[in-house]
Amino acid sequence: MLPDADLLYAALAARDPAFEGRAFACVRTTGIFCRLTCPARTAKRGNVSFRASVADCLAEGFRPCRRCFPAGRPD
């Protein structure tokens, strides 16, 4: 069960390490998903949804961010 979306968005905007791995941010406009601690610019709230796992993000067609590597670093 995910925490409230507004709480997760606040954690994303603050890059709060306490939320690392608890959820992933999916950005509709870019088709990318990120860790909540990603150093990339924070997307507008209306464009962000949250998923509980990498598998959920991938199943919905989002691709991993190339800055924070939420699915693990490529070899």
PDB file of N, CA and C in Angstrom:
ATOM      1  N   MET A   1       0.843  -1.180   0.000  1.00  0.00           N
ATOM      2  CA  MET A   1       0.000   0.000   0.000  1.00  0.00           C
ATOM      3  C   MET A   1       0.885   1.239   0.000  1.00  0.00           C
ATOM      4  N   LEU A   2       0.633   2.128  -0.934  1.00  0.00           N
ATOM      5  CA  LEU A   2       1.414   3.355  -1.036  1.00  0.00           C
ATOM      6  C   LEU A   2       0.902   4.426  -0.075  1.00  0.00           C
ATOM      7  N   PRO A   3       1.814   5.251   0.438  1.00  0.00           N
ATOM      8  CA  PRO A   3       1.370   6.420   1.209  1.00  0.00           C
ATOM      9  C   PRO A   3       0.600   7.387   0.302  1.00  0.00           C
ATOM     10  N   ASP A   4       0.002   8.386   0.879  1.00  0.00           N
ATOM     11  CA  ASP A   4      -0.756   9.407   0.167  1.00  0.00           C
ATOM     12  C   ASP A   4       0.094  10.037  -0.949  1.00  0.00           C
ATOM     13  N   ALA A   5      -0.498  10.265  -2.118  1.00  0.00           N
ATOM     14  CA  ALA A   5       0.218  10.821  -3.267  1.00  0.00           C
ATOM     15  C   ALA A   5       0.802  12.205  -2.983  1.00  0.00           C
ATOM     16  N   ASP A   6       0.097  13.017  -2.215  1.00  0.00           N
ATOM     17  CA  ASP A   6       0.615  14.356  -1.897  1.00  0.00           C
ATOM     18  C   ASP A   6       1.857  14.258  -1.011  1.00  0.00           C
ATOM     19  N   LEU A   7       1.872  13.298  -0.092  1.00  0.00           N
ATOM     20  CA  LEU A   7       3.051  13.058   0.744  1.00  0.00           C
ATOM     21  C   LEU A   7       4.224  12.582  -0.116  1.00  0.00           C
ATOM     22  N   LEU A   8       3.946  11.687  -1.056  1.00  0.00           N
ATOM     23  CA  LEU A   8       4.998  11.196  -1.947  1.00  0.00           C
ATOM     24  C   LEU A   8       5.534  12.313  -2.842  1.00  0.00           C
ATOM     25  N   TYR A   9       4.647  13.194  -3.318  1.00  0.00           N
ATOM     26  CA  TYR A   9       5.107  14.295  -4.151  1.00  0.00           C
ATOM     27  C   TYR A   9       5.992  15.247  -3.341  1.00  0.00           C
ATOM     28  N   ALA A  10       5.625  15.499  -2.096  1.00  0.00           N
ATOM     29  CA  ALA A  10       6.454  16.346  -1.228  1.00  0.00           C
ATOM     30  C   ALA A  10       7.825  15.709  -1.026  1.00  0.00           C
ATOM     31  N   ALA A  11       7.854  14.384  -0.861  1.00  0.00           N
ATOM     32  CA  ALA A  11       9.128  13.674  -0.711  1.00  0.00           C
ATOM     33  C   ALA A  11       9.948  13.763  -2.005  1.00  0.00           C
ATOM     34  N   LEU A  12       9.285  13.678  -3.150  1.00  0.00           N
ATOM     35  CA  LEU A  12       9.959  13.801  -4.444  1.00  0.00           C
ATOM     36  C   LEU A  12      10.561  15.196  -4.599  1.00  0.00           C
ATOM     37  N   ALA A  13       9.784  16.218  -4.280  1.00  0.00           N
ATOM     38  CA  ALA A  13      10.255  17.603  -4.412  1.00  0.00           C
ATOM     39  C   ALA A  13      11.424  17.887  -3.473  1.00  0.00           C
ATOM     40  N   ALA A  14      11.418  17.255  -2.293  1.00  0.00           N
ATOM     41  CA  ALA A  14      12.486  17.467  -1.308  1.00  0.00           C
ATOM     42  C   ALA A  14      13.639  16.479  -1.486  1.00  0.00           C
ATOM     43  N   ARG A  15      13.450  15.492  -2.378  1.00  0.00           N
ATOM     44  CA  ARG A  15      14.447  14.425  -2.575  1.00  0.00           C
ATOM     45  C   ARG A  15      14.776  13.753  -1.236  1.00  0.00           C
ATOM     46  N   ASP A  16      13.736  13.449  -0.495  1.00  0.00           N
ATOM     47  CA  ASP A  16      13.855  12.901   0.856  1.00  0.00           C
ATOM     48  C   ASP A  16      14.356  11.456   0.827  1.00  0.00           C
ATOM     49  N   PRO A  17      15.559  11.203   1.366  1.00  0.00           N
ATOM     50  CA  PRO A  17      16.112   9.849   1.343  1.00  0.00           C
ATOM     51  C   PRO A  17      15.329   8.854   2.210  1.00  0.00           C
ATOM     52  N   ALA A  18      14.496   9.335   3.104  1.00  0.00           N
ATOM     53  CA  ALA A  18      13.682   8.441   3.937  1.00  0.00           C
ATOM     54  C   ALA A  18      12.652   7.673   3.095  1.00  0.00           C
ATOM     55  N   PHE A  19      12.351   8.160   1.896  1.00  0.00           N
ATOM     56  CA  PHE A  19      11.365   7.516   1.034  1.00  0.00           C
ATOM     57  C   PHE A  19      12.008   6.661  -0.060  1.00  0.00           C
ATOM     58  N   GLU A  20      13.298   6.520  -0.037  1.00  0.00           N
ATOM     59  CA  GLU A  20      14.009   5.735  -1.051  1.00  0.00           C
ATOM     60  C   GLU A  20      13.474   4.300  -1.090  1.00  0.00           C
ATOM     61  N   GLY A  21      13.045   3.871  -2.266  1.00  0.00           N
ATOM     62  CA  GLY A  21      12.564   2.506  -2.456  1.00  0.00           C
ATOM     63  C   GLY A  21      11.131   2.255  -2.026  1.00  0.00           C
ATOM     64  N   ARG A  22      10.471   3.223  -1.421  1.00  0.00           N
ATOM     65  CA  ARG A  22       9.090   3.024  -0.972  1.00  0.00           C
ATOM     66  C   ARG A  22       8.088   3.234  -2.099  1.00  0.00           C
ATOM     67  N   ALA A  23       8.492   3.981  -3.127  1.00  0.00           N
ATOM     68  CA  ALA A  23       7.628   4.247  -4.276  1.00  0.00           C
ATOM     69  C   ALA A  23       8.487   4.798  -5.405  1.00  0.00           C
ATOM     70  N   PHE A  24       7.898   4.853  -6.592  1.00  0.00           N
ATOM     71  CA  PHE A  24       8.574   5.393  -7.763  1.00  0.00           C
ATOM     72  C   PHE A  24       7.642   6.397  -8.426  1.00  0.00           C
ATOM     73  N   ALA A  25       8.216   7.474  -8.930  1.00  0.00           N
ATOM     74  CA  ALA A  25       7.449   8.534  -9.572  1.00  0.00           C
ATOM     75  C   ALA A  25       7.407   8.304 -11.077  1.00  0.00           C
ATOM     76  N   CYS A  26       6.216   8.262 -11.632  1.00  0.00           N
ATOM     77  CA  CYS A  26       6.018   8.096 -13.076  1.00  0.00           C
ATOM     78  C   CYS A  26       5.547   9.425 -13.651  1.00  0.00           C
ATOM     79  N   VAL A  27       6.265   9.908 -14.654  1.00  0.00           N
ATOM     80  CA  VAL A  27       5.947  11.208 -15.247  1.00  0.00           C
ATOM     81  C   VAL A  27       5.274  10.972 -16.599  1.00  0.00           C
ATOM     82  N   ARG A  28       4.022  11.334 -16.687  1.00  0.00           N
ATOM     83  CA  ARG A  28       3.232  11.092 -17.907  1.00  0.00           C
ATOM     84  C   ARG A  28       3.793  11.804 -19.130  1.00  0.00           C
ATOM     85  N   THR A  29       4.269  13.026 -18.979  1.00  0.00           N
ATOM     86  CA  THR A  29       4.699  13.821 -20.131  1.00  0.00           C
ATOM     87  C   THR A  29       5.988  13.311 -20.761  1.00  0.00           C
ATOM     88  N   THR A  30       6.831  12.646 -19.996  1.00  0.00           N
ATOM     89  CA  THR A  30       8.097  12.142 -20.528  1.00  0.00           C
ATOM     90  C   THR A  30       8.101  10.632 -20.711  1.00  0.00           C
ATOM     91  N   GLY A  31       7.194   9.929 -20.031  1.00  0.00           N
ATOM     92  CA  GLY A  31       7.164   8.472 -20.103  1.00  0.00           C
ATOM     93  C   GLY A  31       8.262   7.821 -19.283  1.00  0.00           C
ATOM     94  N   ILE A  32       8.817   8.560 -18.337  1.00  0.00           N
ATOM     95  CA  ILE A  32       9.945   8.092 -17.532  1.00  0.00           C
ATOM     96  C   ILE A  32       9.498   7.870 -16.095  1.00  0.00           C
ATOM     97  N   PHE A  33      10.135   6.902 -15.415  1.00  0.00           N
ATOM     98  CA  PHE A  33       9.923   6.772 -13.980  1.00  0.00           C
ATOM     99  C   PHE A  33      11.246   6.923 -13.249  1.00  0.00           C
ATOM    100  N   CYS A  34      11.170   7.481 -12.039  1.00  0.00           N
ATOM    101  CA  CYS A  34      12.353   7.825 -11.244  1.00  0.00           C
ATOM    102  C   CYS A  34      12.221   7.370  -9.804  1.00  0.00           C
ATOM    103  N   ARG A  35      13.378   7.324  -9.142  1.00  0.00           N
ATOM    104  CA  ARG A  35      13.393   7.185  -7.684  1.00  0.00           C
ATOM    105  C   ARG A  35      12.900   8.506  -7.110  1.00  0.00           C
ATOM    106  N   LEU A  36      12.440   8.504  -5.876  1.00  0.00           N
ATOM    107  CA  LEU A  36      11.985   9.753  -5.262  1.00  0.00           C
ATOM    108  C   LEU A  36      13.149  10.671  -4.922  1.00  0.00           C
ATOM    109  N   THR A  37      14.360  10.160  -4.973  1.00  0.00           N
ATOM    110  CA  THR A  37      15.549  10.971  -4.677  1.00  0.00           C
ATOM    111  C   THR A  37      16.283  11.417  -5.938  1.00  0.00           C
ATOM    112  N   CYS A  38      15.662  11.280  -7.093  1.00  0.00           N
ATOM    113  CA  CYS A  38      16.307  11.623  -8.368  1.00  0.00           C
ATOM    114  C   CYS A  38      16.719  13.100  -8.405  1.00  0.00           C
ATOM    115  N   PRO A  39      17.931  13.388  -8.910  1.00  0.00           N
ATOM    116  CA  PRO A  39      18.394  14.771  -8.989  1.00  0.00           C
ATOM    117  C   PRO A  39      17.792  15.578 -10.145  1.00  0.00           C
ATOM    118  N   ALA A  40      17.027  14.930 -11.010  1.00  0.00           N
ATOM    119  CA  ALA A  40      16.407  15.646 -12.140  1.00  0.00           C
ATOM    120  C   ALA A  40      15.369  16.648 -11.631  1.00  0.00           C
ATOM    121  N   ARG A  41      15.066  17.621 -12.477  1.00  0.00           N
ATOM    122  CA  ARG A  41      14.065  18.630 -12.128  1.00  0.00           C
ATOM    123  C   ARG A  41      12.739  17.944 -11.803  1.00  0.00           C
ATOM    124  N   THR A  42      12.064  18.411 -10.781  1.00  0.00           N
ATOM    125  CA  THR A  42      10.792  17.834 -10.353  1.00  0.00           C
ATOM    126  C   THR A  42       9.684  18.228 -11.326  1.00  0.00           C
ATOM    127  N   ALA A  43       8.953  17.235 -11.796  1.00  0.00           N
ATOM    128  CA  ALA A  43       7.848  17.474 -12.725  1.00  0.00           C
ATOM    129  C   ALA A  43       6.664  18.112 -11.992  1.00  0.00           C
ATOM    130  N   LYS A  44       5.783  18.735 -12.752  1.00  0.00           N
ATOM    131  CA  LYS A  44       4.580  19.324 -12.177  1.00  0.00           C
ATOM    132  C   LYS A  44       3.723  18.223 -11.554  1.00  0.00           C
ATOM    133  N   ARG A  45       3.060  18.567 -10.474  1.00  0.00           N
ATOM    134  CA  ARG A  45       2.262  17.593  -9.718  1.00  0.00           C
ATOM    135  C   ARG A  45       1.229  16.897 -10.602  1.00  0.00           C
ATOM    136  N   GLY A  46       0.595  17.607 -11.490  1.00  0.00           N
ATOM    137  CA  GLY A  46      -0.432  17.019 -12.341  1.00  0.00           C
ATOM    138  C   GLY A  46       0.077  15.980 -13.325  1.00  0.00           C
ATOM    139  N   ASN A  47       1.385  15.952 -13.542  1.00  0.00           N
ATOM    140  CA  ASN A  47       1.977  15.002 -14.487  1.00  0.00           C
ATOM    141  C   ASN A  47       2.593  13.790 -13.818  1.00  0.00           C
ATOM    142  N   VAL A  48       2.530  13.734 -12.479  1.00  0.00           N
ATOM    143  CA  VAL A  48       3.213  12.671 -11.737  1.00  0.00           C
ATOM    144  C   VAL A  48       2.215  11.746 -11.056  1.00  0.00           C
ATOM    145  N   SER A  49       2.455  10.457 -11.209  1.00  0.00           N
ATOM    146  CA  SER A  49       1.712   9.449 -10.450  1.00  0.00           C
ATOM    147  C   SER A  49       2.744   8.549  -9.793  1.00  0.00           C
ATOM    148  N   PHE A  50       2.317   7.727  -8.875  1.00  0.00           N
ATOM    149  CA  PHE A  50       3.261   6.909  -8.113  1.00  0.00           C
ATOM    150  C   PHE A  50       2.892   5.443  -8.190  1.00  0.00           C
ATOM    151  N   ARG A  51       3.924   4.614  -8.237  1.00  0.00           N
ATOM    152  CA  ARG A  51       3.759   3.162  -8.269  1.00  0.00           C
ATOM    153  C   ARG A  51       4.643   2.556  -7.181  1.00  0.00           C
ATOM    154  N   ALA A  52       4.274   1.355  -6.751  1.00  0.00           N
ATOM    155  CA  ALA A  52       4.965   0.708  -5.638  1.00  0.00           C
ATOM    156  C   ALA A  52       6.249  -0.001  -6.044  1.00  0.00           C
ATOM    157  N   SER A  53       6.378  -0.372  -7.322  1.00  0.00           N
ATOM    158  CA  SER A  53       7.555  -1.151  -7.722  1.00  0.00           C
ATOM    159  C   SER A  53       8.013  -0.804  -9.145  1.00  0.00           C
ATOM    160  N   VAL A  54       9.233  -1.194  -9.435  1.00  0.00           N
ATOM    161  CA  VAL A  54       9.787  -1.030 -10.777  1.00  0.00           C
ATOM    162  C   VAL A  54       8.942  -1.822 -11.772  1.00  0.00           C
ATOM    163  N   ALA A  55       8.545  -3.031 -11.388  1.00  0.00           N
ATOM    164  CA  ALA A  55       7.734  -3.874 -12.273  1.00  0.00           C
ATOM    165  C   ALA A  55       6.415  -3.199 -12.639  1.00  0.00           C
ATOM    166  N   ASP A  56       5.792  -2.528 -11.674  1.00  0.00           N
ATOM    167  CA  ASP A  56       4.539  -1.806 -11.957  1.00  0.00           C
ATOM    168  C   ASP A  56       4.765  -0.688 -12.971  1.00  0.00           C
ATOM    169  N   CYS A  57       5.859   0.028 -12.814  1.00  0.00           N
ATOM    170  CA  CYS A  57       6.183   1.124 -13.738  1.00  0.00           C
ATOM    171  C   CYS A  57       6.414   0.595 -15.148  1.00  0.00           C
ATOM    172  N   LEU A  58       7.201  -0.452 -15.250  1.00  0.00           N
ATOM    173  CA  LEU A  58       7.493  -1.040 -16.557  1.00  0.00           C
ATOM    174  C   LEU A  58       6.234  -1.607 -17.208  1.00  0.00           C
ATOM    175  N   ALA A  59       5.376  -2.234 -16.416  1.00  0.00           N
ATOM    176  CA  ALA A  59       4.133  -2.813 -16.939  1.00  0.00           C
ATOM    177  C   ALA A  59       3.215  -1.748 -17.514  1.00  0.00           C
ATOM    178  N   GLU A  60       3.308  -0.528 -17.012  1.00  0.00           N
ATOM    179  CA  GLU A  60       2.470   0.558 -17.520  1.00  0.00           C
ATOM    180  C   GLU A  60       3.136   1.332 -18.649  1.00  0.00           C
ATOM    181  N   GLY A  61       4.287   0.868 -19.098  1.00  0.00           N
ATOM    182  CA  GLY A  61       4.927   1.459 -20.271  1.00  0.00           C
ATOM    183  C   GLY A  61       5.921   2.569 -20.000  1.00  0.00           C
ATOM    184  N   PHE A  62       6.267   2.811 -18.740  1.00  0.00           N
ATOM    185  CA  PHE A  62       7.258   3.839 -18.425  1.00  0.00           C
ATOM    186  C   PHE A  62       8.654   3.237 -18.563  1.00  0.00           C
ATOM    187  N   ARG A  63       9.617   4.074 -18.931  1.00  0.00           N
ATOM    188  CA  ARG A  63      11.008   3.610 -19.040  1.00  0.00           C
ATOM    189  C   ARG A  63      11.822   4.219 -17.899  1.00  0.00           C
ATOM    190  N   PRO A  64      12.888   3.542 -17.488  1.00  0.00           N
ATOM    191  CA  PRO A  64      13.687   4.032 -16.360  1.00  0.00           C
ATOM    192  C   PRO A  64      14.469   5.306 -16.685  1.00  0.00           C
ATOM    193  N   CYS A  65      14.592   6.160 -15.707  1.00  0.00           N
ATOM    194  CA  CYS A  65      15.367   7.393 -15.807  1.00  0.00           C
ATOM    195  C   CYS A  65      16.847   7.061 -16.000  1.00  0.00           C
ATOM    196  N   ARG A  66      17.525   7.873 -16.785  1.00  0.00           N
ATOM    197  CA  ARG A  66      18.956   7.654 -17.018  1.00  0.00           C
ATOM    198  C   ARG A  66      19.838   8.442 -16.052  1.00  0.00           C
ATOM    199  N   ARG A  67      19.203   9.170 -15.125  1.00  0.00           N
ATOM    200  CA  ARG A  67      19.976   9.892 -14.100  1.00  0.00           C
ATOM    201  C   ARG A  67      20.016   9.122 -12.792  1.00  0.00           C
ATOM    202  N   CYS A  68      18.884   8.541 -12.395  1.00  0.00           N
ATOM    203  CA  CYS A  68      18.839   7.879 -11.086  1.00  0.00           C
ATOM    204  C   CYS A  68      18.815   6.355 -11.182  1.00  0.00           C
ATOM    205  N   PHE A  69      18.653   5.799 -12.382  1.00  0.00           N
ATOM    206  CA  PHE A  69      18.676   4.349 -12.611  1.00  0.00           C
ATOM    207  C   PHE A  69      17.806   3.576 -11.623  1.00  0.00           C
ATOM    208  N   PRO A  70      16.482   3.800 -11.638  1.00  0.00           N
ATOM    209  CA  PRO A  70      15.613   3.099 -10.686  1.00  0.00           C
ATOM    210  C   PRO A  70      15.543   1.588 -10.895  1.00  0.00           C
ATOM    211  N   ALA A  71      15.876   1.126 -12.086  1.00  0.00           N
ATOM    212  CA  ALA A  71      15.842  -0.312 -12.365  1.00  0.00           C
ATOM    213  C   ALA A  71      17.232  -0.937 -12.228  1.00  0.00           C
ATOM    214  N   GLY A  72      18.196  -0.172 -11.734  1.00  0.00           N
ATOM    215  CA  GLY A  72      19.574  -0.653 -11.612  1.00  0.00           C
ATOM    216  C   GLY A  72      20.424  -0.141 -12.747  1.00  0.00           C
ATOM    217  N   ARG A  73      21.675   0.019 -12.495  1.00  0.00           N
ATOM    218  CA  ARG A  73      22.608   0.524 -13.519  1.00  0.00           C
ATOM    219  C   ARG A  73      22.805  -0.508 -14.619  1.00  0.00           C
ATOM    220  N   PRO A  74      22.784  -0.051 -15.872  1.00  0.00           N
ATOM    221  CA  PRO A  74      23.044  -0.995 -16.980  1.00  0.00           C
ATOM    222  C   PRO A  74      24.521  -1.386 -16.987  1.00  0.00           C
ATOM    223  N   ASP A  75      24.784  -2.587 -17.406  1.00  0.00           N
ATOM    224  CA  ASP A  75      26.184  -3.067 -17.447  1.00  0.00           C
ATOM    225  C   ASP A  75      26.861  -2.694 -18.739  1.00  0.00           C
TER     226      ASP A  75
END
